[in-house]
Amino acid sequence: MSAGIGAVVVNRDAGSALVACVDSLRRAGVEEVVVVDNASSDGSLEALARRDRAATIVAAGRNLGYGRAANLGVARLGAGLVLVCNPDLVVDPGAPGALAGAIEADPAVGVAGPLVLRPDGVPYPSARAFPSLVEAAGHALLGPLWPSNPWSRRYRLDLARERGALDAGPVPVDWVSGACALFRREAFDAVGGFDEGYFMYVEDLDLCWRLRRAGWEARYVPAARVVHHGGLSSARHPYRMLVAHHRSTWRFARRSSSGLQRLVLPAVAAGLAARLGVSLAGELGARARRALAAGRPA
């Protein structure tokens, strides 16, 4: 059971996955569930309302972005431990309790993240290190083509460590994915929650970075497992999400750099702009190929 844990699910056109997510939270014993809906138009919110009358539904009226919506949901919870999660994941019954155990075992721990699995069972890189500007650039540019490059191995702890070390958990890490993370409410409130200046992406890295600066620690808990389908909303709005991702990366680069690092920020901006152009072109090409295969105009 997961008494003392409240959950916030941020929804945006997640379809039937939203109901599956909330159902899994109920099976895990989470009694207090708040769903913040970012102006969905696919009927997912109505389906949930029919399925789970006990869930608190907050209709934002427009797309607030992930962090701002999550903050809105957390404000509605009274629990001392807050699970913030995407709507397109299924939580194993023991996951919330395992995450809570890692936090309650050490008063310095402010956040804990589970092992996140894709539907095919492949682990998602949910345990990571704070990247330097050089490591972030190397990972961003080479990661898609050379996943085990030195910069990605430093940034992604699932590549940097032996599997046995990561599976031993709870493991101290720099930050965990915001797709599913349990926060100590005291820590979350102490740093002001998510920075609402991020629309989508990087807000989890930023929050864990601020938690660390405030003296809190993060734990990766592989005994806690969730399955994340991923990208249901992003697939509907790929261009906006690509722009948001690069804009968020730039925001964090400016915030986290200091001293001589700030001298390379113009180069970082140029690199991000170039990468965004390549990413947008790639998405346009993929869209054209899909349209061609379906026999319709691009």
C-alpha atoms as a PDB file:
ATOM      1  CA  MET A   1       0.000   0.000   0.000  1.00  0.00           C
ATOM      2  CA  SER A   2       1.050   3.596  -0.617  1.00  0.00           C
ATOM      3  CA  ALA A   3      -0.506   5.516   2.231  1.00  0.00           C
ATOM      4  CA  GLY A   4       0.921   9.001   2.585  1.00  0.00           C
ATOM      5  CA  ILE A   5       1.586   9.294  -1.149  1.00  0.00           C
ATOM      6  CA  GLY A   6      -0.396  11.568  -3.411  1.00  0.00           C
ATOM      7  CA  ALA A   7      -0.060  11.474  -7.196  1.00  0.00           C
ATOM      8  CA  VAL A   8      -0.234  14.175  -9.858  1.00  0.00           C
ATOM      9  CA  VAL A   9      -0.786  13.089 -13.443  1.00  0.00           C
ATOM     10  CA  VAL A  10      -0.316  15.744 -16.132  1.00  0.00           C
ATOM     11  CA  ASN A  11      -2.510  14.895 -19.119  1.00  0.00           C
ATOM     12  CA  ARG A  12      -2.482  16.126 -22.683  1.00  0.00           C
ATOM     13  CA  ASP A  13      -4.303  13.977 -25.244  1.00  0.00           C
ATOM     14  CA  ALA A  14      -3.102  10.689 -23.756  1.00  0.00           C
ATOM     15  CA  GLY A  15      -6.142   8.759 -24.911  1.00  0.00           C
ATOM     16  CA  SER A  16      -6.887   5.482 -23.163  1.00  0.00           C
ATOM     17  CA  ALA A  17      -3.427   5.554 -21.545  1.00  0.00           C
ATOM     18  CA  LEU A  18      -4.682   8.061 -18.952  1.00  0.00           C
ATOM     19  CA  VAL A  19      -7.256   5.631 -17.563  1.00  0.00           C
ATOM     20  CA  ALA A  20      -4.655   2.839 -17.538  1.00  0.00           C
ATOM     21  CA  CYS A  21      -2.238   5.088 -15.633  1.00  0.00           C
ATOM     22  CA  VAL A  22      -4.743   6.051 -12.941  1.00  0.00           C
ATOM     23  CA  ASP A  23      -5.920   2.440 -12.664  1.00  0.00           C
ATOM     24  CA  SER A  24      -2.323   1.363 -11.994  1.00  0.00           C
ATOM     25  CA  LEU A  25      -1.931   4.024  -9.312  1.00  0.00           C
ATOM     26  CA  ARG A  26      -5.070   2.733  -7.615  1.00  0.00           C
ATOM     27  CA  ARG A  27      -3.761  -0.840  -7.723  1.00  0.00           C
ATOM     28  CA  ALA A  28      -0.581   0.455  -6.098  1.00  0.00           C
ATOM     29  CA  GLY A  29      -2.642   1.830  -3.220  1.00  0.00           C
ATOM     30  CA  VAL A  30      -2.417   5.552  -4.076  1.00  0.00           C
ATOM     31  CA  GLU A  31      -5.635   7.016  -2.739  1.00  0.00           C
ATOM     32  CA  GLU A  32      -5.123  10.701  -3.553  1.00  0.00           C
ATOM     33  CA  VAL A  33      -4.850  11.308  -7.304  1.00  0.00           C
ATOM     34  CA  VAL A  34      -4.998  14.696  -9.016  1.00  0.00           C
ATOM     35  CA  VAL A  35      -5.132  14.864 -12.810  1.00  0.00           C
ATOM     36  CA  VAL A  36      -4.297  18.224 -14.355  1.00  0.00           C
ATOM     37  CA  ASP A  37      -5.513  18.363 -17.932  1.00  0.00           C
ATOM     38  CA  ASN A  38      -3.758  20.653 -20.400  1.00  0.00           C
ATOM     39  CA  ALA A  39      -6.756  21.262 -22.690  1.00  0.00           C
ATOM     40  CA  SER A  40      -7.058  17.754 -24.117  1.00  0.00           C
ATOM     41  CA  SER A  41      -9.441  17.274 -27.022  1.00  0.00           C
ATOM     42  CA  ASP A  42      -9.334  13.490 -27.390  1.00  0.00           C
ATOM     43  CA  GLY A  43     -11.936  12.529 -24.780  1.00  0.00           C
ATOM     44  CA  SER A  44      -9.342  11.144 -22.345  1.00  0.00           C
ATOM     45  CA  LEU A  45     -10.490  13.388 -19.496  1.00  0.00           C
ATOM     46  CA  GLU A  46     -14.149  12.440 -19.961  1.00  0.00           C
ATOM     47  CA  ALA A  47     -13.219   8.749 -20.026  1.00  0.00           C
ATOM     48  CA  LEU A  48     -11.365   9.123 -16.745  1.00  0.00           C
ATOM     49  CA  ALA A  49     -14.257  10.982 -15.131  1.00  0.00           C
ATOM     50  CA  ARG A  50     -16.535   8.066 -15.973  1.00  0.00           C
ATOM     51  CA  ARG A  51     -14.025   5.495 -14.771  1.00  0.00           C
ATOM     52  CA  ASP A  52     -12.729   7.053 -11.542  1.00  0.00           C
ATOM     53  CA  ARG A  53     -15.055   9.411  -9.708  1.00  0.00           C
ATOM     54  CA  ALA A  54     -12.632   9.748  -6.795  1.00  0.00           C
ATOM     55  CA  ALA A  55      -9.885  11.345  -8.860  1.00  0.00           C
ATOM     56  CA  THR A  56      -9.602  15.122  -8.586  1.00  0.00           C
ATOM     57  CA  ILE A  57      -9.667  16.601 -12.078  1.00  0.00           C
ATOM     58  CA  VAL A  58      -8.259  20.064 -12.699  1.00  0.00           C
ATOM     59  CA  ALA A  59      -9.050  21.411 -16.159  1.00  0.00           C
ATOM     60  CA  ALA A  60      -6.369  23.971 -16.957  1.00  0.00           C
ATOM     61  CA  GLY A  61      -8.320  25.401 -19.882  1.00  0.00           C
ATOM     62  CA  ARG A  62      -5.176  25.643 -22.000  1.00  0.00           C
ATOM     63  CA  ASN A  63      -1.831  23.921 -22.341  1.00  0.00           C
ATOM     64  CA  LEU A  64       0.190  25.170 -19.381  1.00  0.00           C
ATOM     65  CA  GLY A  65       3.196  22.969 -20.068  1.00  0.00           C
ATOM     66  CA  TYR A  66       4.383  20.139 -17.852  1.00  0.00           C
ATOM     67  CA  GLY A  67       5.986  21.924 -14.921  1.00  0.00           C
ATOM     68  CA  ARG A  68       3.311  24.544 -14.393  1.00  0.00           C
ATOM     69  CA  ALA A  69       0.571  21.918 -14.572  1.00  0.00           C
ATOM     70  CA  ALA A  70       2.438  19.681 -12.134  1.00  0.00           C
ATOM     71  CA  ASN A  71       2.793  22.559  -9.670  1.00  0.00           C
ATOM     72  CA  LEU A  72      -0.924  23.212  -9.955  1.00  0.00           C
ATOM     73  CA  GLY A  73      -1.639  19.595  -9.106  1.00  0.00           C
ATOM     74  CA  VAL A  74       0.824  19.404  -6.218  1.00  0.00           C
ATOM     75  CA  ALA A  75      -0.867  22.439  -4.658  1.00  0.00           C
ATOM     76  CA  ARG A  76      -4.071  20.379  -4.457  1.00  0.00           C
ATOM     77  CA  LEU A  77      -2.430  17.526  -2.540  1.00  0.00           C
ATOM     78  CA  GLY A  78      -2.077  17.155   1.201  1.00  0.00           C
ATOM     79  CA  ALA A  79       0.342  14.221   1.186  1.00  0.00           C
ATOM     80  CA  GLY A  80       3.921  14.481   2.405  1.00  0.00           C
ATOM     81  CA  LEU A  81       5.195  12.480  -0.575  1.00  0.00           C
ATOM     82  CA  VAL A  82       4.173  13.497  -4.083  1.00  0.00           C
ATOM     83  CA  LEU A  83       4.437  11.273  -7.152  1.00  0.00           C
ATOM     84  CA  VAL A  84       4.517  13.331 -10.354  1.00  0.00           C
ATOM     85  CA  CYS A  85       4.065  11.334 -13.528  1.00  0.00           C
ATOM     86  CA  ASN A  86       3.204  11.306 -17.200  1.00  0.00           C
ATOM     87  CA  PRO A  87      -0.191   9.934 -18.216  1.00  0.00           C
ATOM     88  CA  ASP A  88       1.242   7.309 -20.572  1.00  0.00           C
ATOM     89  CA  LEU A  89       2.825   5.016 -18.016  1.00  0.00           C
ATOM     90  CA  VAL A  90       1.736   2.055 -15.923  1.00  0.00           C
ATOM     91  CA  VAL A  91       3.035   1.823 -12.365  1.00  0.00           C
ATOM     92  CA  ASP A  92       3.902  -1.565 -10.869  1.00  0.00           C
ATOM     93  CA  PRO A  93       1.985  -2.209  -7.634  1.00  0.00           C
ATOM     94  CA  GLY A  94       5.084  -2.017  -5.446  1.00  0.00           C
ATOM     95  CA  ALA A  95       6.727   0.973  -7.128  1.00  0.00           C
ATOM     96  CA  PRO A  96       5.351   3.849  -5.019  1.00  0.00           C
ATOM     97  CA  GLY A  97       6.166   2.014  -1.797  1.00  0.00           C
ATOM     98  CA  ALA A  98       9.729   1.251  -2.929  1.00  0.00           C
ATOM     99  CA  LEU A  99      10.301   4.906  -3.848  1.00  0.00           C
ATOM    100  CA  ALA A 100       8.848   6.035  -0.527  1.00  0.00           C
ATOM    101  CA  GLY A 101      11.145   3.631   1.310  1.00  0.00           C
ATOM    102  CA  ALA A 102      14.209   5.175  -0.334  1.00  0.00           C
ATOM    103  CA  ILE A 103      13.128   8.667   0.698  1.00  0.00           C
ATOM    104  CA  GLU A 104      12.104   7.759   4.230  1.00  0.00           C
ATOM    105  CA  ALA A 105      15.358   5.872   4.839  1.00  0.00           C
ATOM    106  CA  ASP A 106      17.423   9.064   4.573  1.00  0.00           C
ATOM    107  CA  PRO A 107      16.221  12.541   5.595  1.00  0.00           C
ATOM    108  CA  ALA A 108      18.570  14.107   3.032  1.00  0.00           C
ATOM    109  CA  VAL A 109      16.786  12.494   0.071  1.00  0.00           C
ATOM    110  CA  GLY A 110      14.385  14.856  -1.655  1.00  0.00           C
ATOM    111  CA  VAL A 111      13.506  12.867  -4.778  1.00  0.00           C
ATOM    112  CA  ALA A 112      13.540   9.258  -5.947  1.00  0.00           C
ATOM    113  CA  GLY A 113      12.988   7.836  -9.399  1.00  0.00           C
ATOM    114  CA  PRO A 114      12.097   4.321 -10.574  1.00  0.00           C
ATOM    115  CA  LEU A 115      13.444   2.045 -13.266  1.00  0.00           C
ATOM    116  CA  VAL A 116      11.518   3.194 -16.338  1.00  0.00           C
ATOM    117  CA  LEU A 117      10.941   0.519 -18.972  1.00  0.00           C
ATOM    118  CA  ARG A 118       9.714   0.915 -22.510  1.00  0.00           C
ATOM    119  CA  PRO A 119       6.861  -1.433 -23.561  1.00  0.00           C
ATOM    120  CA  ASP A 120       9.416  -3.806 -25.123  1.00  0.00           C
ATOM    121  CA  GLY A 121      11.213  -4.109 -21.778  1.00  0.00           C
ATOM    122  CA  VAL A 122      14.211  -1.966 -22.747  1.00  0.00           C
ATOM    123  CA  PRO A 123      15.204   0.413 -19.896  1.00  0.00           C
ATOM    124  CA  TYR A 124      14.765   4.125 -20.469  1.00  0.00           C
ATOM    125  CA  PRO A 125      17.748   6.210 -19.235  1.00  0.00           C
ATOM    126  CA  SER A 126      16.023   7.529 -16.124  1.00  0.00           C
ATOM    127  CA  ALA A 127      19.164   7.877 -13.942  1.00  0.00           C
ATOM    128  CA  ARG A 128      21.552  10.594 -15.053  1.00  0.00           C
ATOM    129  CA  ALA A 129      24.403  12.892 -14.050  1.00  0.00           C
ATOM    130  CA  PHE A 130      24.431  16.671 -14.248  1.00  0.00           C
ATOM    131  CA  PRO A 131      26.078  17.416 -17.596  1.00  0.00           C
ATOM    132  CA  SER A 132      28.738  20.018 -18.168  1.00  0.00           C
ATOM    133  CA  LEU A 133      28.300  22.165 -21.272  1.00  0.00           C
ATOM    134  CA  VAL A 134      30.855  20.027 -23.126  1.00  0.00           C
ATOM    135  CA  GLU A 135      29.170  16.774 -22.075  1.00  0.00           C
ATOM    136  CA  ALA A 136      25.723  18.115 -22.978  1.00  0.00           C
ATOM    137  CA  ALA A 137      26.966  19.171 -26.418  1.00  0.00           C
ATOM    138  CA  GLY A 138      28.698  15.846 -27.048  1.00  0.00           C
ATOM    139  CA  HIS A 139      25.651  13.857 -25.953  1.00  0.00           C
ATOM    140  CA  ALA A 140      23.246  15.969 -28.012  1.00  0.00           C
ATOM    141  CA  LEU A 141      25.313  15.837 -31.192  1.00  0.00           C
ATOM    142  CA  LEU A 142      26.662  12.274 -31.058  1.00  0.00           C
ATOM    143  CA  GLY A 143      24.120  10.410 -28.931  1.00  0.00           C
ATOM    144  CA  PRO A 144      21.713   9.527 -31.772  1.00  0.00           C
ATOM    145  CA  LEU A 145      24.551   8.163 -33.965  1.00  0.00           C
ATOM    146  CA  TRP A 146      26.982   6.807 -31.340  1.00  0.00           C
ATOM    147  CA  PRO A 147      25.003   6.028 -28.154  1.00  0.00           C
ATOM    148  CA  SER A 148      28.012   4.839 -26.139  1.00  0.00           C
ATOM    149  CA  ASN A 149      30.201   7.883 -26.835  1.00  0.00           C
ATOM    150  CA  PRO A 150      32.226   9.169 -23.842  1.00  0.00           C
ATOM    151  CA  TRP A 151      29.980  12.180 -23.235  1.00  0.00           C
ATOM    152  CA  SER A 152      26.780  10.124 -23.219  1.00  0.00           C
ATOM    153  CA  ARG A 153      28.440   7.591 -20.905  1.00  0.00           C
ATOM    154  CA  ARG A 154      29.175  10.358 -18.417  1.00  0.00           C
ATOM    155  CA  TYR A 155      25.680  11.805 -18.681  1.00  0.00           C
ATOM    156  CA  ARG A 156      23.644   8.580 -18.818  1.00  0.00           C
ATOM    157  CA  LEU A 157      24.467   6.514 -15.781  1.00  0.00           C
ATOM    158  CA  ASP A 158      22.918   3.394 -17.293  1.00  0.00           C
ATOM    159  CA  LEU A 159      25.760   3.500 -19.832  1.00  0.00           C
ATOM    160  CA  ALA A 160      28.437   4.685 -17.421  1.00  0.00           C
ATOM    161  CA  ARG A 161      28.025   1.983 -14.757  1.00  0.00           C
ATOM    162  CA  GLU A 162      27.966  -1.768 -14.835  1.00  0.00           C
ATOM    163  CA  ARG A 163      24.373  -3.044 -14.867  1.00  0.00           C
ATOM    164  CA  GLY A 164      24.946  -4.715 -11.526  1.00  0.00           C
ATOM    165  CA  ALA A 165      25.735  -1.382  -9.862  1.00  0.00           C
ATOM    166  CA  LEU A 166      22.613   0.274 -11.183  1.00  0.00           C
ATOM    167  CA  ASP A 167      20.446  -2.693 -10.290  1.00  0.00           C
ATOM    168  CA  ALA A 168      21.700  -2.746  -6.684  1.00  0.00           C
ATOM    169  CA  GLY A 169      19.800   0.444  -5.674  1.00  0.00           C
ATOM    170  CA  PRO A 170      18.774   2.680  -4.180  1.00  0.00           C
ATOM    171  CA  VAL A 171      21.656   4.396  -5.958  1.00  0.00           C
ATOM    172  CA  PRO A 172      22.724   8.019  -5.362  1.00  0.00           C
ATOM    173  CA  VAL A 173      22.433   9.906  -8.659  1.00  0.00           C
ATOM    174  CA  ASP A 174      22.371  13.542  -9.728  1.00  0.00           C
ATOM    175  CA  TRP A 175      18.885  13.529 -11.204  1.00  0.00           C
ATOM    176  CA  VAL A 176      16.021  11.298 -12.275  1.00  0.00           C
ATOM    177  CA  SER A 177      13.510  11.543 -15.088  1.00  0.00           C
ATOM    178  CA  GLY A 178      10.397  13.606 -14.429  1.00  0.00           C
ATOM    179  CA  ALA A 179       8.327  11.062 -16.360  1.00  0.00           C
ATOM    180  CA  CYS A 180       7.831   9.469 -12.941  1.00  0.00           C
ATOM    181  CA  ALA A 181       9.435  10.802  -9.765  1.00  0.00           C
ATOM    182  CA  LEU A 182       8.497  10.819  -6.087  1.00  0.00           C
ATOM    183  CA  PHE A 183       9.292  14.043  -4.227  1.00  0.00           C
ATOM    184  CA  ARG A 184       9.466  14.769  -0.544  1.00  0.00           C
ATOM    185  CA  ARG A 185       6.911  17.566  -0.300  1.00  0.00           C
ATOM    186  CA  GLU A 186       9.126  19.549   2.056  1.00  0.00           C
ATOM    187  CA  ALA A 187      11.955  19.544  -0.500  1.00  0.00           C
ATOM    188  CA  PHE A 188       9.662  20.272  -3.449  1.00  0.00           C
ATOM    189  CA  ASP A 189       8.148  23.293  -1.700  1.00  0.00           C
ATOM    190  CA  ALA A 190      11.523  24.524  -0.411  1.00  0.00           C
ATOM    191  CA  VAL A 191      12.800  25.153  -3.953  1.00  0.00           C
ATOM    192  CA  GLY A 192       9.479  26.354  -5.373  1.00  0.00           C
ATOM    193  CA  GLY A 193       8.633  23.212  -7.342  1.00  0.00           C
ATOM    194  CA  PHE A 194       9.134  23.119 -11.092  1.00  0.00           C
ATOM    195  CA  ASP A 195      10.362  26.269 -12.814  1.00  0.00           C
ATOM    196  CA  GLU A 196       7.351  27.313 -14.871  1.00  0.00           C
ATOM    197  CA  GLY A 197       9.610  29.055 -17.360  1.00  0.00           C
ATOM    198  CA  TYR A 198      10.127  25.638 -18.975  1.00  0.00           C
ATOM    199  CA  PHE A 199       7.183  24.691 -21.160  1.00  0.00           C
ATOM    200  CA  MET A 200       8.299  21.111 -21.796  1.00  0.00           C
ATOM    201  CA  TYR A 201      11.511  19.146 -21.251  1.00  0.00           C
ATOM    202  CA  VAL A 202      14.517  19.753 -18.970  1.00  0.00           C
ATOM    203  CA  GLU A 203      12.284  20.931 -16.119  1.00  0.00           C
ATOM    204  CA  ASP A 204      13.140  17.685 -14.274  1.00  0.00           C
ATOM    205  CA  LEU A 205      16.884  18.238 -14.661  1.00  0.00           C
ATOM    206  CA  ASP A 206      16.477  21.832 -13.509  1.00  0.00           C
ATOM    207  CA  LEU A 207      14.431  20.870 -10.444  1.00  0.00           C
ATOM    208  CA  CYS A 208      16.892  18.181  -9.346  1.00  0.00           C
ATOM    209  CA  TRP A 209      19.766  20.626  -9.909  1.00  0.00           C
ATOM    210  CA  ARG A 210      18.100  23.190  -7.649  1.00  0.00           C
ATOM    211  CA  LEU A 211      17.345  20.507  -5.068  1.00  0.00           C
ATOM    212  CA  ARG A 212      21.028  19.561  -4.990  1.00  0.00           C
ATOM    213  CA  ARG A 213      22.060  23.207  -4.571  1.00  0.00           C
ATOM    214  CA  ALA A 214      19.627  23.414  -1.644  1.00  0.00           C
ATOM    215  CA  GLY A 215      21.223  20.375   0.020  1.00  0.00           C
ATOM    216  CA  TRP A 216      18.829  17.602  -1.057  1.00  0.00           C
ATOM    217  CA  GLU A 217      19.865  14.312  -2.669  1.00  0.00           C
ATOM    218  CA  ALA A 218      18.368  12.112  -5.397  1.00  0.00           C
ATOM    219  CA  ARG A 219      18.041   8.325  -5.493  1.00  0.00           C
ATOM    220  CA  TYR A 220      17.514   5.889  -8.358  1.00  0.00           C
ATOM    221  CA  VAL A 221      15.430   2.905  -7.186  1.00  0.00           C
ATOM    222  CA  PRO A 222      15.461   0.042  -9.724  1.00  0.00           C
ATOM    223  CA  ALA A 223      13.248  -2.085  -7.470  1.00  0.00           C
ATOM    224  CA  ALA A 224      10.470   0.377  -8.354  1.00  0.00           C
ATOM    225  CA  ARG A 225       9.352  -0.246 -11.923  1.00  0.00           C
ATOM    226  CA  VAL A 226       7.077   1.570 -14.332  1.00  0.00           C
ATOM    227  CA  VAL A 227       6.352   1.003 -18.017  1.00  0.00           C
ATOM    228  CA  HIS A 228       6.382   4.195 -20.074  1.00  0.00           C
ATOM    229  CA  HIS A 229       4.821   4.214 -23.522  1.00  0.00           C
ATOM    230  CA  GLY A 230       6.181   7.700 -24.152  1.00  0.00           C
ATOM    231  CA  GLY A 231       5.566  10.428 -26.666  1.00  0.00           C
ATOM    232  CA  LEU A 232       1.792  10.113 -27.113  1.00  0.00           C
ATOM    233  CA  SER A 233       1.239  13.862 -26.853  1.00  0.00           C
ATOM    234  CA  SER A 234       4.542  14.820 -28.469  1.00  0.00           C
ATOM    235  CA  ALA A 235       3.706  12.733 -31.534  1.00  0.00           C
ATOM    236  CA  ARG A 236       0.655  14.943 -32.110  1.00  0.00           C
ATOM    237  CA  HIS A 237       2.707  18.156 -31.968  1.00  0.00           C
ATOM    238  CA  PRO A 238       6.252  17.190 -33.078  1.00  0.00           C
ATOM    239  CA  TYR A 239       7.430  20.595 -34.300  1.00  0.00           C
ATOM    240  CA  ARG A 240       6.312  22.469 -31.205  1.00  0.00           C
ATOM    241  CA  MET A 241       7.937  19.831 -28.995  1.00  0.00           C
ATOM    242  CA  LEU A 242      11.245  20.036 -30.865  1.00  0.00           C
ATOM    243  CA  VAL A 243      11.308  23.805 -30.443  1.00  0.00           C
ATOM    244  CA  ALA A 244      10.371  23.495 -26.765  1.00  0.00           C
ATOM    245  CA  HIS A 245      13.118  20.928 -26.137  1.00  0.00           C
ATOM    246  CA  HIS A 246      15.862  23.105 -27.587  1.00  0.00           C
ATOM    247  CA  ARG A 247      14.544  26.254 -25.918  1.00  0.00           C
ATOM    248  CA  SER A 248      14.510  24.467 -22.548  1.00  0.00           C
ATOM    249  CA  THR A 249      18.040  23.196 -23.073  1.00  0.00           C
ATOM    250  CA  TRP A 250      19.194  26.745 -23.719  1.00  0.00           C
ATOM    251  CA  ARG A 251      17.427  28.006 -20.596  1.00  0.00           C
ATOM    252  CA  PHE A 252      19.185  25.443 -18.414  1.00  0.00           C
ATOM    253  CA  ALA A 253      22.557  26.084 -20.054  1.00  0.00           C
ATOM    254  CA  ARG A 254      22.295  29.758 -19.169  1.00  0.00           C
ATOM    255  CA  ARG A 255      21.121  29.044 -15.636  1.00  0.00           C
ATOM    256  CA  SER A 256      23.655  26.384 -14.742  1.00  0.00           C
ATOM    257  CA  SER A 257      26.803  27.827 -16.316  1.00  0.00           C
ATOM    258  CA  SER A 258      29.133  30.118 -14.407  1.00  0.00           C
ATOM    259  CA  GLY A 259      32.602  31.632 -14.663  1.00  0.00           C
ATOM    260  CA  LEU A 260      34.517  30.729 -17.802  1.00  0.00           C
ATOM    261  CA  GLN A 261      31.709  28.424 -18.928  1.00  0.00           C
ATOM    262  CA  ARG A 262      29.632  31.459 -19.818  1.00  0.00           C
ATOM    263  CA  LEU A 263      32.182  32.365 -22.486  1.00  0.00           C
ATOM    264  CA  VAL A 264      31.089  29.390 -24.578  1.00  0.00           C
ATOM    265  CA  LEU A 265      27.365  30.134 -24.346  1.00  0.00           C
ATOM    266  CA  PRO A 266      27.278  31.803 -27.793  1.00  0.00           C
ATOM    267  CA  ALA A 267      28.703  28.609 -29.282  1.00  0.00           C
ATOM    268  CA  VAL A 268      26.124  26.567 -27.368  1.00  0.00           C
ATOM    269  CA  ALA A 269      23.334  28.758 -28.761  1.00  0.00           C
ATOM    270  CA  ALA A 270      24.645  28.335 -32.301  1.00  0.00           C
ATOM    271  CA  GLY A 271      24.943  24.573 -31.849  1.00  0.00           C
ATOM    272  CA  LEU A 272      21.411  24.292 -30.498  1.00  0.00           C
ATOM    273  CA  ALA A 273      20.044  26.358 -33.379  1.00  0.00           C
ATOM    274  CA  ALA A 274      21.840  24.121 -35.890  1.00  0.00           C
ATOM    275  CA  ARG A 275      20.637  20.955 -34.166  1.00  0.00           C
ATOM    276  CA  LEU A 276      17.066  22.261 -34.098  1.00  0.00           C
ATOM    277  CA  GLY A 277      17.247  22.923 -37.832  1.00  0.00           C
ATOM    278  CA  VAL A 278      18.486  19.397 -38.488  1.00  0.00           C
ATOM    279  CA  SER A 279      15.804  17.925 -36.200  1.00  0.00           C
ATOM    280  CA  LEU A 280      13.004  19.878 -37.880  1.00  0.00           C
ATOM    281  CA  ALA A 281      14.269  18.858 -41.305  1.00  0.00           C
ATOM    282  CA  GLY A 282      14.394  15.242 -40.175  1.00  0.00           C
ATOM    283  CA  GLU A 283      10.824  15.398 -38.906  1.00  0.00           C
ATOM    284  CA  LEU A 284       9.640  16.967 -42.161  1.00  0.00           C
ATOM    285  CA  GLY A 285      11.399  14.229 -44.121  1.00  0.00           C
ATOM    286  CA  ALA A 286       9.881  11.503 -41.970  1.00  0.00           C
ATOM    287  CA  ARG A 287       6.444  13.053 -42.389  1.00  0.00           C
ATOM    288  CA  ALA A 288       6.880  13.145 -46.163  1.00  0.00           C
ATOM    289  CA  ARG A 289       7.928   9.489 -46.222  1.00  0.00           C
ATOM    290  CA  ARG A 290       4.938   8.462 -44.132  1.00  0.00           C
ATOM    291  CA  ALA A 291       2.622  10.407 -46.417  1.00  0.00           C
ATOM    292  CA  LEU A 292       4.183   8.855 -49.511  1.00  0.00           C
ATOM    293  CA  ALA A 293       3.811   5.377 -48.073  1.00  0.00           C
ATOM    294  CA  ALA A 294       0.154   6.096 -47.292  1.00  0.00           C
ATOM    295  CA  GLY A 295      -0.453   7.528 -50.767  1.00  0.00           C
ATOM    296  CA  ARG A 296      -1.449  10.985 -49.619  1.00  0.00           C
ATOM    297  CA  PRO A 297       0.083  14.495 -49.989  1.00  0.00           C
ATOM    298  CA  ALA A 298       2.822  15.388 -47.441  1.00  0.00           C
END
